Amino acid sequence: MRSWRSMTWLRIASFLALLALGLITWSFLDPSPFLMILFMSVGQGIGTLSKMIFLVVVIHDALLRPSRLSAEQENEEQGSKTA
């Protein structure tokens, strides 16, 4: 993923986390049994999805970084040889 794609996915994950937090909080403000079960279940699912997106982006960037650094070093070496 390019940097802008990573940032886009991180923004989506952040929005989903806030949405999940809002749903879970709402279930405490309106404590009818059905709504509490519904909102907490949906909030947990959305929160889990948010965390999975975050972890995928972090792991992908961590695995991509060494190859990106080696490519930059090769470019610098080629630039110094031609100069």
Protein backbone atom coordinates (compact mmCIF):
# COMPACT_ATOMS: atom_id res chain seq x y z
CA MET A 1 0.00 0.00 0.00
CA ARG A 2 1.16 3.47 -0.67
CA SER A 3 1.30 5.97 2.13
CA TRP A 4 -1.97 7.68 1.15
CA ARG A 5 -3.74 4.34 1.03
CA SER A 6 -2.47 3.51 4.50
CA MET A 7 -3.69 6.85 5.80
CA THR A 8 -7.09 6.33 4.18
CA TRP A 9 -7.49 2.91 5.79
CA LEU A 10 -6.35 4.29 9.15
CA ARG A 11 -8.98 7.03 8.90
CA ILE A 12 -11.63 4.44 8.13
CA ALA A 13 -10.50 2.36 11.11
CA SER A 14 -10.62 5.44 13.35
CA PHE A 15 -14.12 6.34 12.19
CA LEU A 16 -15.33 2.78 12.76
CA ALA A 17 -13.81 2.74 16.25
CA LEU A 18 -15.61 5.97 17.13
CA LEU A 19 -18.86 4.60 15.71
CA ALA A 20 -18.49 1.44 17.80
CA LEU A 21 -17.77 3.50 20.90
CA GLY A 22 -20.86 5.60 20.24
CA LEU A 23 -23.07 2.54 19.86
CA ILE A 24 -21.77 0.95 23.04
CA THR A 25 -22.21 4.21 24.96
CA TRP A 26 -25.71 4.65 23.59
CA SER A 27 -26.65 1.22 24.92
CA PHE A 28 -25.82 2.46 28.43
CA LEU A 29 -27.81 5.67 28.00
CA ASP A 30 -30.92 3.81 26.83
CA PRO A 31 -30.74 0.58 28.87
CA SER A 32 -33.66 -1.38 27.48
CA PRO A 33 -32.58 -5.03 27.28
CA PHE A 34 -33.10 -5.53 23.54
CA LEU A 35 -31.33 -2.31 22.52
CA MET A 36 -28.47 -2.97 24.92
CA ILE A 37 -27.84 -6.42 23.46
CA LEU A 38 -28.21 -5.14 19.89
CA PHE A 39 -26.01 -2.05 20.22
CA MET A 40 -23.31 -3.80 22.24
CA SER A 41 -23.16 -6.69 19.76
CA VAL A 42 -23.06 -4.43 16.72
CA GLY A 43 -20.57 -2.12 18.46
CA GLN A 44 -18.31 -5.04 19.28
CA GLY A 45 -18.42 -6.26 15.67
CA ILE A 46 -17.62 -2.82 14.28
CA GLY A 47 -14.86 -2.32 16.87
CA THR A 48 -13.33 -5.68 15.96
CA LEU A 49 -13.42 -4.77 12.26
CA SER A 50 -11.73 -1.46 13.08
CA LYS A 51 -8.96 -3.18 15.00
CA MET A 52 -8.40 -5.71 12.23
CA ILE A 53 -8.07 -2.95 9.62
CA PHE A 54 -5.59 -1.16 11.87
CA LEU A 55 -3.52 -4.31 12.39
CA VAL A 56 -3.46 -5.12 8.67
CA VAL A 57 -2.20 -1.63 7.83
CA VAL A 58 0.47 -1.70 10.56
CA ILE A 59 1.71 -5.17 9.62
CA HIS A 60 1.70 -4.33 5.92
CA ASP A 61 3.68 -1.14 6.49
CA ALA A 62 6.11 -2.94 8.80
CA LEU A 63 6.76 -5.62 6.18
CA LEU A 64 6.97 -3.07 3.37
CA ARG A 65 9.35 -0.70 5.14
CA PRO A 66 12.54 -2.86 4.83
CA SER A 67 12.05 -3.28 1.07
CA ARG A 68 11.29 0.43 0.73
CA LEU A 69 14.47 1.32 2.64
CA SER A 70 16.64 -1.03 0.57
CA ALA A 71 15.21 0.45 -2.65
CA GLU A 72 16.03 3.97 -1.43
CA GLN A 73 19.58 2.90 -0.54
CA GLU A 74 20.06 1.37 -4.00
CA ASN A 75 18.85 4.61 -5.60
CA GLU A 76 21.29 6.63 -3.50
CA GLU A 77 24.16 4.30 -4.42
CA GLN A 78 23.33 4.55 -8.13
CA GLY A 79 23.11 8.33 -7.83
CA SER A 80 26.52 8.55 -6.17
CA LYS A 81 28.09 6.32 -8.83
CA THR A 82 26.84 8.50 -11.68
CA ALA A 83 27.92 11.74 -10.04
